[in-house]
């Protein structure tokens, strides 16, 4: 299978190491949709990362160290499970990365357990800092989060299938 992923500028990139399905249709072409692209270091946008949702029980990530001209092959991030739902990540003004995501495996086929995690080591390890929604219930889905830092707080906007749009606030600690 050939893996496709998008760079920060919207151009599809192809992993040259992945075997090709080819235009003849001899196998599916896999896409990694809904990426969250962010800068991971204070180096003038040179160090970038993308996080992707997947059906493989994990968030996948790809890194670039040349401003997005080239990207590493996407790899699973064991610390952030993913049930094929959109996630969002940002780099806070203190350099810490923050991600909002559904914290459970794909086989549950729900969009519950909406958590927020942070990473102080450019995405190598993650620590859950908030559990915005932490229950499973029939016909309850919490999904499509978006993060926005405003001063010393982060706003998390996300959808609730039964009740519309929700807003949560998380304090940002500067140490």
C-alpha atoms as a PDB file:
ATOM      1  CA  UNK A   1       0.000   0.000   0.000  1.00  0.00           C
ATOM      2  CA  UNK A   2       1.197   3.459  -0.781  1.00  0.00           C
ATOM      3  CA  UNK A   3       0.818   5.940   2.067  1.00  0.00           C
ATOM      4  CA  UNK A   4      -0.278   9.471   1.276  1.00  0.00           C
ATOM      5  CA  UNK A   5      -0.195  12.358   3.659  1.00  0.00           C
ATOM      6  CA  UNK A   6      -0.510  16.113   3.372  1.00  0.00           C
ATOM      7  CA  UNK A   7       2.159  18.648   4.084  1.00  0.00           C
ATOM      8  CA  UNK A   8       1.338  21.897   5.846  1.00  0.00           C
ATOM      9  CA  UNK A   9       0.790  23.584   2.480  1.00  0.00           C
ATOM     10  CA  UNK A  10      -1.908  21.127   1.363  1.00  0.00           C
ATOM     11  CA  UNK A  11       0.201  19.282  -1.257  1.00  0.00           C
ATOM     12  CA  UNK A  12      -0.192  15.515  -1.043  1.00  0.00           C
ATOM     13  CA  UNK A  13       3.091  13.788  -0.378  1.00  0.00           C
ATOM     14  CA  UNK A  14       3.840  10.152  -1.119  1.00  0.00           C
ATOM     15  CA  UNK A  15       6.107   7.962   0.961  1.00  0.00           C
ATOM     16  CA  UNK A  16       8.621   6.693  -1.637  1.00  0.00           C
ATOM     17  CA  UNK A  17       9.469   3.705   0.592  1.00  0.00           C
ATOM     18  CA  UNK A  18       5.904   2.349   0.569  1.00  0.00           C
ATOM     19  CA  UNK A  19       5.037  -0.175  -2.156  1.00  0.00           C
ATOM     20  CA  UNK A  20       2.812   1.308  -4.813  1.00  0.00           C
ATOM     21  CA  UNK A  21      -0.739   0.186  -5.456  1.00  0.00           C
ATOM     22  CA  UNK A  22      -0.330   1.828  -8.845  1.00  0.00           C
ATOM     23  CA  UNK A  23      -2.977   3.359 -11.087  1.00  0.00           C
ATOM     24  CA  UNK A  24      -4.161  -0.099 -12.138  1.00  0.00           C
ATOM     25  CA  UNK A  25      -6.085  -0.439  -8.882  1.00  0.00           C
ATOM     26  CA  UNK A  26      -4.040  -3.421  -7.612  1.00  0.00           C
ATOM     27  CA  UNK A  27      -4.766  -2.480  -4.014  1.00  0.00           C
ATOM     28  CA  UNK A  28      -6.107   0.429  -2.033  1.00  0.00           C
ATOM     29  CA  UNK A  29      -4.328   3.732  -1.797  1.00  0.00           C
ATOM     30  CA  UNK A  30      -4.294   4.685   1.878  1.00  0.00           C
ATOM     31  CA  UNK A  31      -4.723   8.259   2.966  1.00  0.00           C
ATOM     32  CA  UNK A  32      -4.053   9.779   6.359  1.00  0.00           C
ATOM     33  CA  UNK A  33      -6.793  12.424   6.613  1.00  0.00           C
ATOM     34  CA  UNK A  34      -7.393  15.398   8.864  1.00  0.00           C
ATOM     35  CA  UNK A  35      -3.856  16.252   9.792  1.00  0.00           C
ATOM     36  CA  UNK A  36      -2.965  18.749  12.478  1.00  0.00           C
ATOM     37  CA  UNK A  37       0.238  20.540  11.427  1.00  0.00           C
ATOM     38  CA  UNK A  38       2.233  22.511  13.972  1.00  0.00           C
ATOM     39  CA  UNK A  39       5.693  23.843  14.678  1.00  0.00           C
ATOM     40  CA  UNK A  40       7.397  21.866  17.435  1.00  0.00           C
ATOM     41  CA  UNK A  41      10.425  24.038  18.216  1.00  0.00           C
ATOM     42  CA  UNK A  42      11.286  27.716  18.312  1.00  0.00           C
ATOM     43  CA  UNK A  43      13.478  27.554  15.214  1.00  0.00           C
ATOM     44  CA  UNK A  44      11.674  29.754  12.704  1.00  0.00           C
ATOM     45  CA  UNK A  45       9.159  27.114  11.556  1.00  0.00           C
ATOM     46  CA  UNK A  46      11.914  24.674  10.518  1.00  0.00           C
ATOM     47  CA  UNK A  47      10.828  21.821  12.824  1.00  0.00           C
ATOM     48  CA  UNK A  48       7.265  20.828  11.974  1.00  0.00           C
ATOM     49  CA  UNK A  49       5.046  17.895  12.857  1.00  0.00           C
ATOM     50  CA  UNK A  50       1.758  16.542  11.604  1.00  0.00           C
ATOM     51  CA  UNK A  51      -0.589  14.335  13.594  1.00  0.00           C
ATOM     52  CA  UNK A  52      -3.085  12.109  11.769  1.00  0.00           C
ATOM     53  CA  UNK A  53      -6.172  10.126  12.687  1.00  0.00           C
ATOM     54  CA  UNK A  54      -6.197   6.447  11.701  1.00  0.00           C
ATOM     55  CA  UNK A  55      -8.163   3.212  11.979  1.00  0.00           C
ATOM     56  CA  UNK A  56      -5.091   1.546  13.524  1.00  0.00           C
ATOM     57  CA  UNK A  57      -5.879   2.474  17.161  1.00  0.00           C
ATOM     58  CA  UNK A  58      -3.192   5.154  17.266  1.00  0.00           C
ATOM     59  CA  UNK A  59      -2.506   8.697  16.230  1.00  0.00           C
ATOM     60  CA  UNK A  60       0.237   8.754  13.585  1.00  0.00           C
ATOM     61  CA  UNK A  61       2.843  11.495  13.298  1.00  0.00           C
ATOM     62  CA  UNK A  62       5.238  12.706  10.643  1.00  0.00           C
ATOM     63  CA  UNK A  63       8.107  15.154  11.165  1.00  0.00           C
ATOM     64  CA  UNK A  64       9.922  17.667   9.003  1.00  0.00           C
ATOM     65  CA  UNK A  65      13.156  19.407   9.918  1.00  0.00           C
ATOM     66  CA  UNK A  66      13.352  21.587   6.810  1.00  0.00           C
ATOM     67  CA  UNK A  67      10.204  23.692   7.051  1.00  0.00           C
ATOM     68  CA  UNK A  68       7.975  21.135   5.343  1.00  0.00           C
ATOM     69  CA  UNK A  69       9.999  20.512   2.187  1.00  0.00           C
ATOM     70  CA  UNK A  70      10.427  16.836   3.164  1.00  0.00           C
ATOM     71  CA  UNK A  71       8.651  14.634   5.703  1.00  0.00           C
ATOM     72  CA  UNK A  72       9.452  11.413   7.555  1.00  0.00           C
ATOM     73  CA  UNK A  73       7.188   8.427   6.953  1.00  0.00           C
ATOM     74  CA  UNK A  74       4.203   8.551   9.343  1.00  0.00           C
ATOM     75  CA  UNK A  75       4.725   6.482  12.499  1.00  0.00           C
ATOM     76  CA  UNK A  76       2.279   5.466  15.255  1.00  0.00           C
ATOM     77  CA  UNK A  77       2.342   7.418  18.504  1.00  0.00           C
ATOM     78  CA  UNK A  78       1.555   4.913  21.225  1.00  0.00           C
ATOM     79  CA  UNK A  79       0.744   7.597  23.792  1.00  0.00           C
ATOM     80  CA  UNK A  80      -2.221   9.013  21.844  1.00  0.00           C
ATOM     81  CA  UNK A  81      -4.807   6.392  20.876  1.00  0.00           C
ATOM     82  CA  UNK A  82      -7.179   7.293  18.055  1.00  0.00           C
ATOM     83  CA  UNK A  83     -10.503   5.778  16.924  1.00  0.00           C
ATOM     84  CA  UNK A  84     -10.291   7.378  13.453  1.00  0.00           C
ATOM     85  CA  UNK A  85     -11.490  10.753  14.724  1.00  0.00           C
ATOM     86  CA  UNK A  86     -10.189  14.248  14.066  1.00  0.00           C
ATOM     87  CA  UNK A  87      -7.708  15.651  16.530  1.00  0.00           C
ATOM     88  CA  UNK A  88      -6.152  19.072  16.894  1.00  0.00           C
ATOM     89  CA  UNK A  89      -2.762  20.123  18.235  1.00  0.00           C
ATOM     90  CA  UNK A  90      -0.996  23.427  18.839  1.00  0.00           C
ATOM     91  CA  UNK A  91       2.285  24.683  20.246  1.00  0.00           C
ATOM     92  CA  UNK A  92       1.635  26.908  23.240  1.00  0.00           C
ATOM     93  CA  UNK A  93       3.504  30.164  23.798  1.00  0.00           C
ATOM     94  CA  UNK A  94       5.650  28.420  26.457  1.00  0.00           C
ATOM     95  CA  UNK A  95       6.797  25.812  23.880  1.00  0.00           C
ATOM     96  CA  UNK A  96       4.673  22.934  25.205  1.00  0.00           C
ATOM     97  CA  UNK A  97       2.618  20.988  22.641  1.00  0.00           C
ATOM     98  CA  UNK A  98      -1.074  20.417  23.373  1.00  0.00           C
ATOM     99  CA  UNK A  99      -3.442  17.973  21.648  1.00  0.00           C
ATOM    100  CA  UNK A 100      -7.198  17.411  21.969  1.00  0.00           C
ATOM    101  CA  UNK A 101      -8.322  13.950  20.862  1.00  0.00           C
ATOM    102  CA  UNK A 102     -10.647  11.002  21.529  1.00  0.00           C
ATOM    103  CA  UNK A 103      -8.773   8.739  23.944  1.00  0.00           C
ATOM    104  CA  UNK A 104      -9.836   5.202  23.032  1.00  0.00           C
ATOM    105  CA  UNK A 105      -9.327   2.566  20.374  1.00  0.00           C
ATOM    106  CA  UNK A 106     -11.000   2.330  16.975  1.00  0.00           C
ATOM    107  CA  UNK A 107     -12.756  -0.947  17.659  1.00  0.00           C
ATOM    108  CA  UNK A 108     -15.137   0.819  20.047  1.00  0.00           C
ATOM    109  CA  UNK A 109     -16.399   2.869  17.073  1.00  0.00           C
ATOM    110  CA  UNK A 110     -17.441   5.789  19.221  1.00  0.00           C
ATOM    111  CA  UNK A 111     -16.283   9.327  19.687  1.00  0.00           C
ATOM    112  CA  UNK A 112     -16.134   9.563  23.437  1.00  0.00           C
ATOM    113  CA  UNK A 113     -13.444  10.180  26.041  1.00  0.00           C
ATOM    114  CA  UNK A 114     -12.385  13.577  24.713  1.00  0.00           C
ATOM    115  CA  UNK A 115      -9.058  14.297  26.418  1.00  0.00           C
ATOM    116  CA  UNK A 116      -6.410  17.019  26.256  1.00  0.00           C
ATOM    117  CA  UNK A 117      -2.734  16.064  26.622  1.00  0.00           C
ATOM    118  CA  UNK A 118       0.531  18.000  26.643  1.00  0.00           C
ATOM    119  CA  UNK A 119       4.079  17.196  25.593  1.00  0.00           C
ATOM    120  CA  UNK A 120       7.141  19.081  26.815  1.00  0.00           C
ATOM    121  CA  UNK A 121       9.550  17.030  24.640  1.00  0.00           C
ATOM    122  CA  UNK A 122       8.323  17.834  21.115  1.00  0.00           C
ATOM    123  CA  UNK A 123       5.765  15.026  21.040  1.00  0.00           C
ATOM    124  CA  UNK A 124       7.865  12.108  22.274  1.00  0.00           C
ATOM    125  CA  UNK A 125       5.824  11.655  25.467  1.00  0.00           C
ATOM    126  CA  UNK A 126       2.353  12.949  26.362  1.00  0.00           C
ATOM    127  CA  UNK A 127       0.578  13.589  29.665  1.00  0.00           C
ATOM    128  CA  UNK A 128      -3.221  13.833  29.938  1.00  0.00           C
ATOM    129  CA  UNK A 129      -4.039  17.196  31.557  1.00  0.00           C
ATOM    130  CA  UNK A 130      -7.824  17.314  31.099  1.00  0.00           C
ATOM    131  CA  UNK A 131     -10.652  14.845  30.574  1.00  0.00           C
ATOM    132  CA  UNK A 132     -13.345  16.991  28.957  1.00  0.00           C
ATOM    133  CA  UNK A 133     -15.695  14.055  28.380  1.00  0.00           C
ATOM    134  CA  UNK A 134     -14.912  10.708  29.960  1.00  0.00           C
ATOM    135  CA  UNK A 135     -17.904   8.449  29.505  1.00  0.00           C
ATOM    136  CA  UNK A 136     -19.436   6.167  26.909  1.00  0.00           C
ATOM    137  CA  UNK A 137     -23.170   6.399  26.321  1.00  0.00           C
ATOM    138  CA  UNK A 138     -25.420   5.406  23.416  1.00  0.00           C
ATOM    139  CA  UNK A 139     -25.721   8.145  20.798  1.00  0.00           C
ATOM    140  CA  UNK A 140     -23.283  10.443  22.635  1.00  0.00           C
ATOM    141  CA  UNK A 141     -20.393  11.660  20.537  1.00  0.00           C
ATOM    142  CA  UNK A 142     -17.834  14.300  21.447  1.00  0.00           C
ATOM    143  CA  UNK A 143     -15.683  15.172  18.475  1.00  0.00           C
ATOM    144  CA  UNK A 144     -13.941  17.642  16.132  1.00  0.00           C
ATOM    145  CA  UNK A 145     -11.979  19.567  18.788  1.00  0.00           C
ATOM    146  CA  UNK A 146     -10.183  22.820  18.070  1.00  0.00           C
ATOM    147  CA  UNK A 147      -7.668  24.465  20.411  1.00  0.00           C
ATOM    148  CA  UNK A 148      -6.916  28.185  20.700  1.00  0.00           C
ATOM    149  CA  UNK A 149      -4.561  29.784  23.227  1.00  0.00           C
ATOM    150  CA  UNK A 150      -5.586  33.200  24.523  1.00  0.00           C
ATOM    151  CA  UNK A 151      -3.183  34.522  27.138  1.00  0.00           C
ATOM    152  CA  UNK A 152      -2.963  32.107  30.073  1.00  0.00           C
ATOM    153  CA  UNK A 153      -5.814  29.874  28.952  1.00  0.00           C
ATOM    154  CA  UNK A 154      -6.608  27.494  26.108  1.00  0.00           C
ATOM    155  CA  UNK A 155     -10.114  27.359  24.694  1.00  0.00           C
ATOM    156  CA  UNK A 156     -11.281  23.973  23.438  1.00  0.00           C
ATOM    157  CA  UNK A 157     -14.281  24.044  21.132  1.00  0.00           C
ATOM    158  CA  UNK A 158     -15.822  20.691  20.201  1.00  0.00           C
ATOM    159  CA  UNK A 159     -19.018  19.091  19.012  1.00  0.00           C
ATOM    160  CA  UNK A 160     -21.537  17.209  21.151  1.00  0.00           C
ATOM    161  CA  UNK A 161     -23.844  15.181  18.907  1.00  0.00           C
ATOM    162  CA  UNK A 162     -26.852  15.650  21.218  1.00  0.00           C
ATOM    163  CA  UNK A 163     -26.268  19.189  22.492  1.00  0.00           C
ATOM    164  CA  UNK A 164     -24.419  21.121  19.779  1.00  0.00           C
ATOM    165  CA  UNK A 165     -21.157  22.981  20.345  1.00  0.00           C
ATOM    166  CA  UNK A 166     -19.306  22.968  23.663  1.00  0.00           C
ATOM    167  CA  UNK A 167     -16.566  25.220  25.001  1.00  0.00           C
ATOM    168  CA  UNK A 168     -14.019  24.320  27.676  1.00  0.00           C
ATOM    169  CA  UNK A 169     -11.284  26.452  29.227  1.00  0.00           C
ATOM    170  CA  UNK A 170      -7.931  25.109  30.383  1.00  0.00           C
ATOM    171  CA  UNK A 171      -5.440  27.185  32.362  1.00  0.00           C
ATOM    172  CA  UNK A 172      -1.910  27.291  30.951  1.00  0.00           C
ATOM    173  CA  UNK A 173       0.816  27.173  33.569  1.00  0.00           C
ATOM    174  CA  UNK A 174       4.108  28.899  32.826  1.00  0.00           C
ATOM    175  CA  UNK A 175       6.973  27.454  34.850  1.00  0.00           C
END
